[in-house]
Every structure is written in C-alpha cells, then in structure tokens.
C-alpha cells in the first residue's frame, strides 16, 4: 500500500500509545517515540528501540540522552494491503518497541505473540 501521509501515520502512532495502559506509560523513563520513513541500514525494519532498557540502567545512567523508539512509516505501509492492516501493524510495532524499553527481548515477545 502507498505510504500514508505523515500526519495521518503520526496520529496512528499516537493512537497506539493511547492503548498502552497508563500504569506502563507512567513507568517509561527518558524515552521518545519518533516516526521516520525508513531505517537507512535496514530498510525493511518496521521499528527500532535505541537506548538502555530500564533493566540495564545503573547509577551511571544519569544525564543520558533520551532513548528512542523509531516507527518506520514507509516500511510498515510496504507490508500492509489495507489501512486497517497499517493500524494493526503500527500498534504491534509500538508495543514491541516499548517492551524492549522494559527489557523484554525478541524471544519473549515471540512467546507472547508480539514478534
């Protein structure tokens, strides 16, 4: 499917974040969620978490730049046939990357059905 316009796609990401329980959002620390068209190194990548998971942070973490959750608009639209599929894939990708922020790895996400 053709890439959705950036404002529309950003709205889907915001909607996906709204579906995350408030208790979990409150625990997220020093992380920003951004939309980009593609990952330059891996153009088919749908999302990426860059940073230090909460489970890996120690006393030396203070003053660090925010972790980043990237959601890749064009890559997600490439794997979807309908707007409904885009909505579902955005939600899956956002949840998947937030899970990495909490220290949940891909194997565990796969077991839970989010990979």
PDB file of N, CA and C in Angstrom:
ATOM      1  N   UNK A   1       0.852  -1.179   0.000  1.00  0.00           N
ATOM      2  CA  UNK A   1       0.000   0.000   0.000  1.00  0.00           C
ATOM      3  C   UNK A   1       0.896   1.238   0.000  1.00  0.00           C
ATOM      4  N   UNK A   2       0.412   2.298  -0.594  1.00  0.00           N
ATOM      5  CA  UNK A   2       1.172   3.546  -0.626  1.00  0.00           C
ATOM      6  C   UNK A   2       1.313   4.091   0.786  1.00  0.00           C
ATOM      7  N   UNK A   3       2.436   4.714   1.094  1.00  0.00           N
ATOM      8  CA  UNK A   3       2.625   5.271   2.443  1.00  0.00           C
ATOM      9  C   UNK A   3       1.531   6.288   2.776  1.00  0.00           C
ATOM     10  N   UNK A   4       1.028   6.174   3.988  1.00  0.00           N
ATOM     11  CA  UNK A   4       0.063   7.158   4.471  1.00  0.00           C
ATOM     12  C   UNK A   4       0.774   8.495   4.662  1.00  0.00           C
ATOM     13  N   UNK A   5       0.053   9.595   4.541  1.00  0.00           N
ATOM     14  CA  UNK A   5       0.668  10.893   4.815  1.00  0.00           C
ATOM     15  C   UNK A   5       1.221  10.923   6.249  1.00  0.00           C
ATOM     16  N   UNK A   6       2.313  11.622   6.419  1.00  0.00           N
ATOM     17  CA  UNK A   6       2.988  11.664   7.717  1.00  0.00           C
ATOM     18  C   UNK A   6       2.053  12.056   8.864  1.00  0.00           C
ATOM     19  N   UNK A   7       1.239  13.108   8.737  1.00  0.00           N
ATOM     20  CA  UNK A   7       0.358  13.457   9.872  1.00  0.00           C
ATOM     21  C   UNK A   7      -0.626  12.339  10.225  1.00  0.00           C
ATOM     22  N   UNK A   8      -1.134  11.640   9.230  1.00  0.00           N
ATOM     23  CA  UNK A   8      -2.060  10.534   9.471  1.00  0.00           C
ATOM     24  C   UNK A   8      -1.342   9.407  10.202  1.00  0.00           C
ATOM     25  N   UNK A   9      -0.143   9.074   9.727  1.00  0.00           N
ATOM     26  CA  UNK A   9       0.630   7.993  10.344  1.00  0.00           C
ATOM     27  C   UNK A   9       1.013   8.353  11.783  1.00  0.00           C
ATOM     28  N   UNK A  10       1.436   9.594  11.997  1.00  0.00           N
ATOM     29  CA  UNK A  10       1.765  10.028  13.366  1.00  0.00           C
ATOM     30  C   UNK A  10       0.545   9.921  14.276  1.00  0.00           C
ATOM     31  N   UNK A  11      -0.637  10.181  13.739  1.00  0.00           N
ATOM     32  CA  UNK A  11      -1.857  10.014  14.515  1.00  0.00           C
ATOM     33  C   UNK A  11      -2.084   8.557  14.904  1.00  0.00           C
ATOM     34  N   UNK A  12      -1.749   7.625  14.008  1.00  0.00           N
ATOM     35  CA  UNK A  12      -1.869   6.201  14.325  1.00  0.00           C
ATOM     36  C   UNK A  12      -0.899   5.808  15.437  1.00  0.00           C
ATOM     37  N   UNK A  13       0.298   6.365  15.402  1.00  0.00           N
ATOM     38  CA  UNK A  13       1.274   6.084  16.460  1.00  0.00           C
ATOM     39  C   UNK A  13       0.753   6.635  17.792  1.00  0.00           C
ATOM     40  N   UNK A  14       0.198   7.837  17.764  1.00  0.00           N
ATOM     41  CA  UNK A  14      -0.380   8.421  18.990  1.00  0.00           C
ATOM     42  C   UNK A  14      -1.536   7.562  19.503  1.00  0.00           C
ATOM     43  N   UNK A  15      -2.370   7.069  18.589  1.00  0.00           N
ATOM     44  CA  UNK A  15      -3.477   6.191  18.989  1.00  0.00           C
ATOM     45  C   UNK A  15      -2.949   4.908  19.614  1.00  0.00           C
ATOM     46  N   UNK A  16      -1.875   4.355  19.050  1.00  0.00           N
ATOM     47  CA  UNK A  16      -1.280   3.133  19.606  1.00  0.00           C
ATOM     48  C   UNK A  16      -0.745   3.399  21.010  1.00  0.00           C
ATOM     49  N   UNK A  17      -0.124   4.551  21.217  1.00  0.00           N
ATOM     50  CA  UNK A  17       0.370   4.906  22.549  1.00  0.00           C
ATOM     51  C   UNK A  17      -0.781   5.078  23.533  1.00  0.00           C
ATOM     52  N   UNK A  18      -1.908   5.572  23.047  1.00  0.00           N
ATOM     53  CA  UNK A  18      -3.084   5.733  23.909  1.00  0.00           C
ATOM     54  C   UNK A  18      -3.635   4.394  24.382  1.00  0.00           C
ATOM     55  N   UNK A  19      -3.339   3.314  23.653  1.00  0.00           N
ATOM     56  CA  UNK A  19      -3.822   1.987  24.028  1.00  0.00           C
ATOM     57  C   UNK A  19      -2.948   1.314  25.087  1.00  0.00           C
ATOM     58  N   UNK A  20      -1.762   1.866  25.326  1.00  0.00           N
ATOM     59  CA  UNK A  20      -0.874   1.320  26.347  1.00  0.00           C
ATOM     60  C   UNK A  20      -1.448   1.715  27.712  1.00  0.00           C
ATOM     61  N   UNK A  21      -1.558   0.759  28.627  1.00  0.00           N
ATOM     62  CA  UNK A  21      -2.099   1.096  29.948  1.00  0.00           C
ATOM     63  C   UNK A  21      -1.338   2.258  30.588  1.00  0.00           C
ATOM     64  N   UNK A  22      -2.069   3.207  31.186  1.00  0.00           N
ATOM     65  CA  UNK A  22      -1.434   4.385  31.789  1.00  0.00           C
ATOM     66  C   UNK A  22      -0.364   4.025  32.823  1.00  0.00           C
ATOM     67  N   UNK A  23      -0.573   2.885  33.534  1.00  0.00           N
ATOM     68  CA  UNK A  23       0.424   2.481  34.538  1.00  0.00           C
ATOM     69  C   UNK A  23       1.776   2.191  33.882  1.00  0.00           C
ATOM     70  N   UNK A  24       1.750   1.623  32.675  1.00  0.00           N
ATOM     71  CA  UNK A  24       3.005   1.337  31.963  1.00  0.00           C
ATOM     72  C   UNK A  24       3.621   2.610  31.400  1.00  0.00           C
ATOM     73  N   UNK A  25       2.766   3.460  30.817  1.00  0.00           N
ATOM     74  CA  UNK A  25       3.294   4.722  30.292  1.00  0.00           C
ATOM     75  C   UNK A  25       3.965   5.532  31.389  1.00  0.00           C
ATOM     76  N   UNK A  26       3.402   5.498  32.592  1.00  0.00           N
ATOM     77  CA  UNK A  26       3.979   6.244  33.714  1.00  0.00           C
ATOM     78  C   UNK A  26       5.356   5.715  34.096  1.00  0.00           C
ATOM     79  N   UNK A  27       5.612   4.442  33.817  1.00  0.00           N
ATOM     80  CA  UNK A  27       6.904   3.839  34.150  1.00  0.00           C
ATOM     81  C   UNK A  27       7.971   4.091  33.085  1.00  0.00           C
ATOM     82  N   UNK A  28       7.546   4.505  31.901  1.00  0.00           N
ATOM     83  CA  UNK A  28       8.522   4.786  30.845  1.00  0.00           C
ATOM     84  C   UNK A  28       9.336   6.009  31.255  1.00  0.00           C
ATOM     85  N   UNK A  29      10.652   5.910  31.073  1.00  0.00           N
ATOM     86  CA  UNK A  29      11.532   6.957  31.568  1.00  0.00           C
ATOM     87  C   UNK A  29      12.560   7.340  30.518  1.00  0.00           C
ATOM     88  N   UNK A  30      12.616   8.626  30.198  1.00  0.00           N
ATOM     89  CA  UNK A  30      13.622   9.171  29.313  1.00  0.00           C
ATOM     90  C   UNK A  30      13.614   8.477  27.951  1.00  0.00           C
ATOM     91  N   UNK A  31      12.438   8.426  27.348  1.00  0.00           N
ATOM     92  CA  UNK A  31      12.291   7.797  26.029  1.00  0.00           C
ATOM     93  C   UNK A  31      11.361   8.649  25.177  1.00  0.00           C
ATOM     94  N   UNK A  32      11.676   8.747  23.897  1.00  0.00           N
ATOM     95  CA  UNK A  32      10.867   9.500  22.949  1.00  0.00           C
ATOM     96  C   UNK A  32      10.461   8.551  21.818  1.00  0.00           C
ATOM     97  N   UNK A  33       9.247   8.736  21.314  1.00  0.00           N
ATOM     98  CA  UNK A  33       8.747   7.933  20.201  1.00  0.00           C
ATOM     99  C   UNK A  33       8.722   8.827  18.965  1.00  0.00           C
ATOM    100  N   UNK A  34       9.400   8.374  17.908  1.00  0.00           N
ATOM    101  CA  UNK A  34       9.531   9.168  16.690  1.00  0.00           C
ATOM    102  C   UNK A  34       9.099   8.359  15.476  1.00  0.00           C
ATOM    103  N   UNK A  35       8.676   9.061  14.427  1.00  0.00           N
ATOM    104  CA  UNK A  35       8.335   8.429  13.154  1.00  0.00           C
ATOM    105  C   UNK A  35       9.368   8.865  12.124  1.00  0.00           C
ATOM    106  N   UNK A  36       9.899   7.895  11.398  1.00  0.00           N
ATOM    107  CA  UNK A  36      10.773   8.160  10.257  1.00  0.00           C
ATOM    108  C   UNK A  36      10.258   7.328   9.096  1.00  0.00           C
ATOM    109  N   UNK A  37      10.716   7.658   7.887  1.00  0.00           N
ATOM    110  CA  UNK A  37      10.267   6.896   6.724  1.00  0.00           C
ATOM    111  C   UNK A  37      10.834   5.483   6.729  1.00  0.00           C
ATOM    112  N   UNK A  38      12.160   5.371   6.883  1.00  0.00           N
ATOM    113  CA  UNK A  38      12.833   4.065   6.851  1.00  0.00           C
ATOM    114  C   UNK A  38      14.109   4.120   7.682  1.00  0.00           C
ATOM    115  N   UNK A  39      14.560   2.940   8.071  1.00  0.00           N
ATOM    116  CA  UNK A  39      15.873   2.795   8.671  1.00  0.00           C
ATOM    117  C   UNK A  39      16.868   2.672   7.515  1.00  0.00           C
ATOM    118  N   UNK A  40      17.867   3.526   7.482  1.00  0.00           N
ATOM    119  CA  UNK A  40      18.819   3.529   6.365  1.00  0.00           C
ATOM    120  C   UNK A  40      19.591   2.218   6.244  1.00  0.00           C
ATOM    121  N   UNK A  41      19.960   1.628   7.379  1.00  0.00           N
ATOM    122  CA  UNK A  41      20.762   0.404   7.363  1.00  0.00           C
ATOM    123  C   UNK A  41      19.931  -0.838   7.069  1.00  0.00           C
ATOM    124  N   UNK A  42      18.675  -0.841   7.532  1.00  0.00           N
ATOM    125  CA  UNK A  42      17.769  -1.970   7.316  1.00  0.00           C
ATOM    126  C   UNK A  42      16.421  -1.431   6.848  1.00  0.00           C
ATOM    127  N   UNK A  43      16.285  -1.181   5.544  1.00  0.00           N
ATOM    128  CA  UNK A  43      15.075  -0.520   5.020  1.00  0.00           C
ATOM    129  C   UNK A  43      13.763  -1.260   5.282  1.00  0.00           C
ATOM    130  N   UNK A  44      13.816  -2.563   5.545  1.00  0.00           N
ATOM    131  CA  UNK A  44      12.585  -3.324   5.793  1.00  0.00           C
ATOM    132  C   UNK A  44      12.197  -3.360   7.261  1.00  0.00           C
ATOM    133  N   UNK A  45      13.007  -2.779   8.128  1.00  0.00           N
ATOM    134  CA  UNK A  45      12.744  -2.770   9.564  1.00  0.00           C
ATOM    135  C   UNK A  45      11.505  -1.913   9.852  1.00  0.00           C
ATOM    136  N   UNK A  46      10.600  -2.436  10.679  1.00  0.00           N
ATOM    137  CA  UNK A  46       9.354  -1.726  10.973  1.00  0.00           C
ATOM    138  C   UNK A  46       9.486  -0.789  12.168  1.00  0.00           C
ATOM    139  N   UNK A  47      10.348  -1.143  13.124  1.00  0.00           N
ATOM    140  CA  UNK A  47      10.546  -0.320  14.302  1.00  0.00           C
ATOM    141  C   UNK A  47      11.880  -0.642  14.933  1.00  0.00           C
ATOM    142  N   UNK A  48      12.340   0.251  15.801  1.00  0.00           N
ATOM    143  CA  UNK A  48      13.642   0.056  16.438  1.00  0.00           C
ATOM    144  C   UNK A  48      13.666   0.781  17.779  1.00  0.00           C
ATOM    145  N   UNK A  49      14.209   0.091  18.785  1.00  0.00           N
ATOM    146  CA  UNK A  49      14.440   0.711  20.081  1.00  0.00           C
ATOM    147  C   UNK A  49      15.937   0.952  20.208  1.00  0.00           C
ATOM    148  N   UNK A  50      16.328   2.184  20.464  1.00  0.00           N
ATOM    149  CA  UNK A  50      17.731   2.539  20.660  1.00  0.00           C
ATOM    150  C   UNK A  50      17.875   3.136  22.044  1.00  0.00           C
ATOM    151  N   UNK A  51      18.724   2.528  22.840  1.00  0.00           N
ATOM    152  CA  UNK A  51      18.947   3.063  24.171  1.00  0.00           C
ATOM    153  C   UNK A  51      19.267   1.979  25.166  1.00  0.00           C
ATOM    154  N   UNK A  52      19.022   2.289  26.425  1.00  0.00           N
ATOM    155  CA  UNK A  52      19.284   1.363  27.524  1.00  0.00           C
ATOM    156  C   UNK A  52      17.963   0.999  28.178  1.00  0.00           C
ATOM    157  N   UNK A  53      17.609  -0.278  28.089  1.00  0.00           N
ATOM    158  CA  UNK A  53      16.375  -0.740  28.717  1.00  0.00           C
ATOM    159  C   UNK A  53      16.394  -0.389  30.206  1.00  0.00           C
ATOM    160  N   UNK A  54      15.221  -0.228  30.772  1.00  0.00           N
ATOM    161  CA  UNK A  54      15.130   0.100  32.201  1.00  0.00           C
ATOM    162  C   UNK A  54      15.862  -0.927  33.055  1.00  0.00           C
ATOM    163  N   UNK A  55      15.877  -2.178  32.613  1.00  0.00           N
ATOM    164  CA  UNK A  55      16.539  -3.244  33.365  1.00  0.00           C
ATOM    165  C   UNK A  55      18.057  -3.174  33.291  1.00  0.00           C
ATOM    166  N   UNK A  56      18.595  -2.362  32.393  1.00  0.00           N
ATOM    167  CA  UNK A  56      20.051  -2.244  32.212  1.00  0.00           C
ATOM    168  C   UNK A  56      20.621  -0.952  32.798  1.00  0.00           C
ATOM    169  N   UNK A  57      19.784  -0.105  33.305  1.00  0.00           N
ATOM    170  CA  UNK A  57      20.253   1.189  33.792  1.00  0.00           C
ATOM    171  C   UNK A  57      20.793   1.071  35.208  1.00  0.00           C
ATOM    172  N   UNK A  58      21.903   1.731  35.427  1.00  0.00           N
ATOM    173  CA  UNK A  58      22.505   1.752  36.756  1.00  0.00           C
ATOM    174  C   UNK A  58      22.781   3.183  37.170  1.00  0.00           C
ATOM    175  N   UNK A  59      23.622   3.330  38.171  1.00  0.00           N
ATOM    176  CA  UNK A  59      23.924   4.654  38.705  1.00  0.00           C
ATOM    177  C   UNK A  59      24.563   5.558  37.653  1.00  0.00           C
ATOM    178  N   UNK A  60      25.271   4.985  36.673  1.00  0.00           N
ATOM    179  CA  UNK A  60      25.972   5.778  35.662  1.00  0.00           C
ATOM    180  C   UNK A  60      25.041   6.314  34.575  1.00  0.00           C
ATOM    181  N   UNK A  61      23.770   5.955  34.605  1.00  0.00           N
ATOM    182  CA  UNK A  61      22.837   6.341  33.552  1.00  0.00           C
ATOM    183  C   UNK A  61      22.485   7.831  33.582  1.00  0.00           C
ATOM    184  N   UNK A  62      22.589   8.500  34.685  1.00  0.00           N
ATOM    185  CA  UNK A  62      22.177   9.897  34.819  1.00  0.00           C
ATOM    186  C   UNK A  62      22.724  10.793  33.719  1.00  0.00           C
ATOM    187  N   UNK A  63      21.893  11.694  33.225  1.00  0.00           N
ATOM    188  CA  UNK A  63      22.308  12.662  32.218  1.00  0.00           C
ATOM    189  C   UNK A  63      22.338  12.125  30.800  1.00  0.00           C
ATOM    190  N   UNK A  64      21.884  10.904  30.588  1.00  0.00           N
ATOM    191  CA  UNK A  64      21.905  10.307  29.254  1.00  0.00           C
ATOM    192  C   UNK A  64      20.846  10.965  28.361  1.00  0.00           C
ATOM    193  N   UNK A  65      21.132  10.987  27.065  1.00  0.00           N
ATOM    194  CA  UNK A  65      20.133  11.451  26.111  1.00  0.00           C
ATOM    195  C   UNK A  65      18.954  10.487  26.129  1.00  0.00           C
ATOM    196  N   UNK A  66      17.774  10.942  25.725  1.00  0.00           N
ATOM    197  CA  UNK A  66      16.612  10.044  25.742  1.00  0.00           C
ATOM    198  C   UNK A  66      16.805   8.834  24.831  1.00  0.00           C
ATOM    199  N   UNK A  67      16.283   7.690  25.274  1.00  0.00           N
ATOM    200  CA  UNK A  67      16.190   6.529  24.410  1.00  0.00           C
ATOM    201  C   UNK A  67      15.218   6.887  23.295  1.00  0.00           C
ATOM    202  N   UNK A  68      15.309   6.153  22.187  1.00  0.00           N
ATOM    203  CA  UNK A  68      14.434   6.446  21.052  1.00  0.00           C
ATOM    204  C   UNK A  68      13.708   5.193  20.602  1.00  0.00           C
ATOM    205  N   UNK A  69      12.427   5.340  20.401  1.00  0.00           N
ATOM    206  CA  UNK A  69      11.632   4.312  19.727  1.00  0.00           C
ATOM    207  C   UNK A  69      11.308   4.891  18.358  1.00  0.00           C
ATOM    208  N   UNK A  70      11.789   4.201  17.330  1.00  0.00           N
ATOM    209  CA  UNK A  70      11.550   4.634  15.961  1.00  0.00           C
ATOM    210  C   UNK A  70      10.474   3.743  15.350  1.00  0.00           C
ATOM    211  N   UNK A  71       9.513   4.358  14.679  1.00  0.00           N
ATOM    212  CA  UNK A  71       8.482   3.636  13.945  1.00  0.00           C
ATOM    213  C   UNK A  71       8.629   4.076  12.487  1.00  0.00           C
ATOM    214  N   UNK A  72       8.815   3.109  11.599  1.00  0.00           N
ATOM    215  CA  UNK A  72       9.153   3.409  10.204  1.00  0.00           C
ATOM    216  C   UNK A  72       7.919   3.338   9.305  1.00  0.00           C
ATOM    217  N   UNK A  73       7.464   4.496   8.900  1.00  0.00           N
ATOM    218  CA  UNK A  73       6.218   4.679   8.152  1.00  0.00           C
ATOM    219  C   UNK A  73       6.188   3.919   6.821  1.00  0.00           C
ATOM    220  N   UNK A  74       7.165   4.145   5.967  1.00  0.00           N
ATOM    221  CA  UNK A  74       7.134   3.520   4.645  1.00  0.00           C
ATOM    222  C   UNK A  74       7.286   2.000   4.737  1.00  0.00           C
ATOM    223  N   UNK A  75       8.126   1.530   5.642  1.00  0.00           N
ATOM    224  CA  UNK A  75       8.332   0.085   5.786  1.00  0.00           C
ATOM    225  C   UNK A  75       7.049  -0.600   6.250  1.00  0.00           C
ATOM    226  N   UNK A  76       6.343   0.023   7.193  1.00  0.00           N
ATOM    227  CA  UNK A  76       5.079  -0.562   7.664  1.00  0.00           C
ATOM    228  C   UNK A  76       4.047  -0.567   6.536  1.00  0.00           C
ATOM    229  N   UNK A  77       3.930   0.520   5.817  1.00  0.00           N
ATOM    230  CA  UNK A  77       2.963   0.571   4.721  1.00  0.00           C
ATOM    231  C   UNK A  77       3.304  -0.438   3.625  1.00  0.00           C
ATOM    232  N   UNK A  78       4.591  -0.703   3.428  1.00  0.00           N
ATOM    233  CA  UNK A  78       5.012  -1.689   2.422  1.00  0.00           C
ATOM    234  C   UNK A  78       4.476  -3.090   2.711  1.00  0.00           C
ATOM    235  N   UNK A  79       4.372  -3.462   3.988  1.00  0.00           N
ATOM    236  CA  UNK A  79       3.957  -4.826   4.340  1.00  0.00           C
ATOM    237  C   UNK A  79       2.448  -4.941   4.544  1.00  0.00           C
ATOM    238  N   UNK A  80       1.719  -3.857   4.331  1.00  0.00           N
ATOM    239  CA  UNK A  80       0.272  -3.863   4.565  1.00  0.00           C
ATOM    240  C   UNK A  80      -0.474  -3.645   3.250  1.00  0.00           C
ATOM    241  N   UNK A  81      -1.661  -4.253   3.178  1.00  0.00           N
ATOM    242  CA  UNK A  81      -2.502  -4.114   1.990  1.00  0.00           C
ATOM    243  C   UNK A  81      -3.637  -3.122   2.180  1.00  0.00           C
ATOM    244  N   UNK A  82      -4.013  -2.894   3.433  1.00  0.00           N
ATOM    245  CA  UNK A  82      -5.149  -2.010   3.716  1.00  0.00           C
ATOM    246  C   UNK A  82      -4.802  -1.053   4.853  1.00  0.00           C
ATOM    247  N   UNK A  83      -5.606  -0.021   4.985  1.00  0.00           N
ATOM    248  CA  UNK A  83      -5.417   0.931   6.083  1.00  0.00           C
ATOM    249  C   UNK A  83      -5.610   0.242   7.430  1.00  0.00           C
ATOM    250  N   UNK A  84      -6.520  -0.717   7.491  1.00  0.00           N
ATOM    251  CA  UNK A  84      -6.751  -1.460   8.732  1.00  0.00           C
ATOM    252  C   UNK A  84      -5.511  -2.246   9.140  1.00  0.00           C
ATOM    253  N   UNK A  85      -4.835  -2.832   8.155  1.00  0.00           N
ATOM    254  CA  UNK A  85      -3.598  -3.559   8.449  1.00  0.00           C
ATOM    255  C   UNK A  85      -2.519  -2.616   8.960  1.00  0.00           C
ATOM    256  N   UNK A  86      -2.470  -1.405   8.420  1.00  0.00           N
ATOM    257  CA  UNK A  86      -1.493  -0.415   8.890  1.00  0.00           C
ATOM    258  C   UNK A  86      -1.756  -0.092  10.358  1.00  0.00           C
ATOM    259  N   UNK A  87      -3.010   0.128  10.714  1.00  0.00           N
ATOM    260  CA  UNK A  87      -3.365   0.423  12.106  1.00  0.00           C
ATOM    261  C   UNK A  87      -2.892  -0.714  13.009  1.00  0.00           C
ATOM    262  N   UNK A  88      -3.162  -1.946  12.623  1.00  0.00           N
ATOM    263  CA  UNK A  88      -2.764  -3.102  13.426  1.00  0.00           C
ATOM    264  C   UNK A  88      -1.243  -3.218  13.531  1.00  0.00           C
ATOM    265  N   UNK A  89      -0.545  -3.020  12.418  1.00  0.00           N
ATOM    266  CA  UNK A  89       0.915  -3.153  12.430  1.00  0.00           C
ATOM    267  C   UNK A  89       1.569  -2.035  13.233  1.00  0.00           C
ATOM    268  N   UNK A  90       1.029  -0.834  13.173  1.00  0.00           N
ATOM    269  CA  UNK A  90       1.563   0.266  13.986  1.00  0.00           C
ATOM    270  C   UNK A  90       1.431  -0.082  15.460  1.00  0.00           C
ATOM    271  N   UNK A  91       0.272  -0.591  15.854  1.00  0.00           N
ATOM    272  CA  UNK A  91       0.058  -0.954  17.255  1.00  0.00           C
ATOM    273  C   UNK A  91       1.026  -2.043  17.685  1.00  0.00           C
ATOM    274  N   UNK A  92       1.177  -3.077  16.882  1.00  0.00           N
ATOM    275  CA  UNK A  92       2.104  -4.168  17.195  1.00  0.00           C
ATOM    276  C   UNK A  92       3.524  -3.631  17.325  1.00  0.00           C
ATOM    277  N   UNK A  93       3.931  -2.784  16.394  1.00  0.00           N
ATOM    278  CA  UNK A  93       5.296  -2.246  16.399  1.00  0.00           C
ATOM    279  C   UNK A  93       5.541  -1.374  17.629  1.00  0.00           C
ATOM    280  N   UNK A  94       4.596  -0.516  17.964  1.00  0.00           N
ATOM    281  CA  UNK A  94       4.750   0.356  19.134  1.00  0.00           C
ATOM    282  C   UNK A  94       4.859  -0.481  20.403  1.00  0.00           C
ATOM    283  N   UNK A  95       3.969  -1.455  20.573  1.00  0.00           N
ATOM    284  CA  UNK A  95       4.017  -2.316  21.756  1.00  0.00           C
ATOM    285  C   UNK A  95       5.333  -3.080  21.812  1.00  0.00           C
ATOM    286  N   UNK A  96       5.766  -3.606  20.679  1.00  0.00           N
ATOM    287  CA  UNK A  96       7.017  -4.367  20.591  1.00  0.00           C
ATOM    288  C   UNK A  96       8.199  -3.519  21.059  1.00  0.00           C
ATOM    289  N   UNK A  97       8.293  -2.297  20.571  1.00  0.00           N
ATOM    290  CA  UNK A  97       9.431  -1.448  20.921  1.00  0.00           C
ATOM    291  C   UNK A  97       9.346  -0.952  22.364  1.00  0.00           C
ATOM    292  N   UNK A  98       8.149  -0.686  22.861  1.00  0.00           N
ATOM    293  CA  UNK A  98       8.003  -0.326  24.270  1.00  0.00           C
ATOM    294  C   UNK A  98       8.457  -1.487  25.149  1.00  0.00           C
ATOM    295  N   UNK A  99       8.144  -2.695  24.742  1.00  0.00           N
ATOM    296  CA  UNK A  99       8.572  -3.875  25.504  1.00  0.00           C
ATOM    297  C   UNK A  99      10.092  -3.919  25.614  1.00  0.00           C
ATOM    298  N   UNK A 100      10.788  -3.563  24.549  1.00  0.00           N
ATOM    299  CA  UNK A 100      12.258  -3.515  24.617  1.00  0.00           C
ATOM    300  C   UNK A 100      12.721  -2.490  25.651  1.00  0.00           C
ATOM    301  N   UNK A 101      12.012  -1.378  25.764  1.00  0.00           N
ATOM    302  CA  UNK A 101      12.337  -0.358  26.770  1.00  0.00           C
ATOM    303  C   UNK A 101      12.264  -0.955  28.183  1.00  0.00           C
ATOM    304  N   UNK A 102      11.343  -1.899  28.367  1.00  0.00           N
ATOM    305  CA  UNK A 102      11.190  -2.558  29.659  1.00  0.00           C
ATOM    306  C   UNK A 102      12.080  -3.789  29.804  1.00  0.00           C
ATOM    307  N   UNK A 103      12.949  -4.029  28.821  1.00  0.00           N
ATOM    308  CA  UNK A 103      13.908  -5.130  28.919  1.00  0.00           C
ATOM    309  C   UNK A 103      13.402  -6.469  28.423  1.00  0.00           C
ATOM    310  N   UNK A 104      12.291  -6.487  27.715  1.00  0.00           N
ATOM    311  CA  UNK A 104      11.753  -7.741  27.175  1.00  0.00           C
ATOM    312  C   UNK A 104      12.388  -7.979  25.807  1.00  0.00           C
ATOM    313  N   UNK A 105      13.010  -9.147  25.640  1.00  0.00           N
ATOM    314  CA  UNK A 105      13.724  -9.430  24.384  1.00  0.00           C
ATOM    315  C   UNK A 105      12.792 -10.047  23.335  1.00  0.00           C
ATOM    316  N   UNK A 106      13.311 -10.191  22.119  1.00  0.00           N
ATOM    317  CA  UNK A 106      12.521 -10.703  20.998  1.00  0.00           C
ATOM    318  C   UNK A 106      11.998 -12.111  21.245  1.00  0.00           C
ATOM    319  N   UNK A 107      12.793 -12.967  21.884  1.00  0.00           N
ATOM    320  CA  UNK A 107      12.332 -14.332  22.155  1.00  0.00           C
ATOM    321  C   UNK A 107      11.074 -14.316  23.019  1.00  0.00           C
ATOM    322  N   UNK A 108      11.089 -13.519  24.067  1.00  0.00           N
ATOM    323  CA  UNK A 108       9.934 -13.443  24.963  1.00  0.00           C
ATOM    324  C   UNK A 108       8.745 -12.803  24.258  1.00  0.00           C
ATOM    325  N   UNK A 109       8.997 -11.793  23.438  1.00  0.00           N
ATOM    326  CA  UNK A 109       7.923 -11.165  22.681  1.00  0.00           C
ATOM    327  C   UNK A 109       7.279 -12.167  21.724  1.00  0.00           C
ATOM    328  N   UNK A 110       8.108 -13.021  21.119  1.00  0.00           N
ATOM    329  CA  UNK A 110       7.587 -14.038  20.229  1.00  0.00           C
ATOM    330  C   UNK A 110       6.679 -15.006  21.005  1.00  0.00           C
ATOM    331  N   UNK A 111       7.125 -15.397  22.198  1.00  0.00           N
ATOM    332  CA  UNK A 111       6.307 -16.273  23.034  1.00  0.00           C
ATOM    333  C   UNK A 111       4.956 -15.634  23.371  1.00  0.00           C
ATOM    334  N   UNK A 112       4.964 -14.325  23.548  1.00  0.00           N
ATOM    335  CA  UNK A 112       3.743 -13.596  23.910  1.00  0.00           C
ATOM    336  C   UNK A 112       2.889 -13.220  22.704  1.00  0.00           C
ATOM    337  N   UNK A 113       3.409 -13.487  21.487  1.00  0.00           N
ATOM    338  CA  UNK A 113       2.659 -13.184  20.268  1.00  0.00           C
ATOM    339  C   UNK A 113       2.830 -11.777  19.747  1.00  0.00           C
ATOM    340  N   UNK A 114       3.878 -11.073  20.178  1.00  0.00           N
ATOM    341  CA  UNK A 114       4.122  -9.683  19.746  1.00  0.00           C
ATOM    342  C   UNK A 114       5.333  -9.550  18.836  1.00  0.00           C
ATOM    343  N   UNK A 115       5.830 -10.633  18.303  1.00  0.00           N
ATOM    344  CA  UNK A 115       7.022 -10.539  17.434  1.00  0.00           C
ATOM    345  C   UNK A 115       6.693 -10.984  16.044  1.00  0.00           C
TER     346      UNK A 115
END
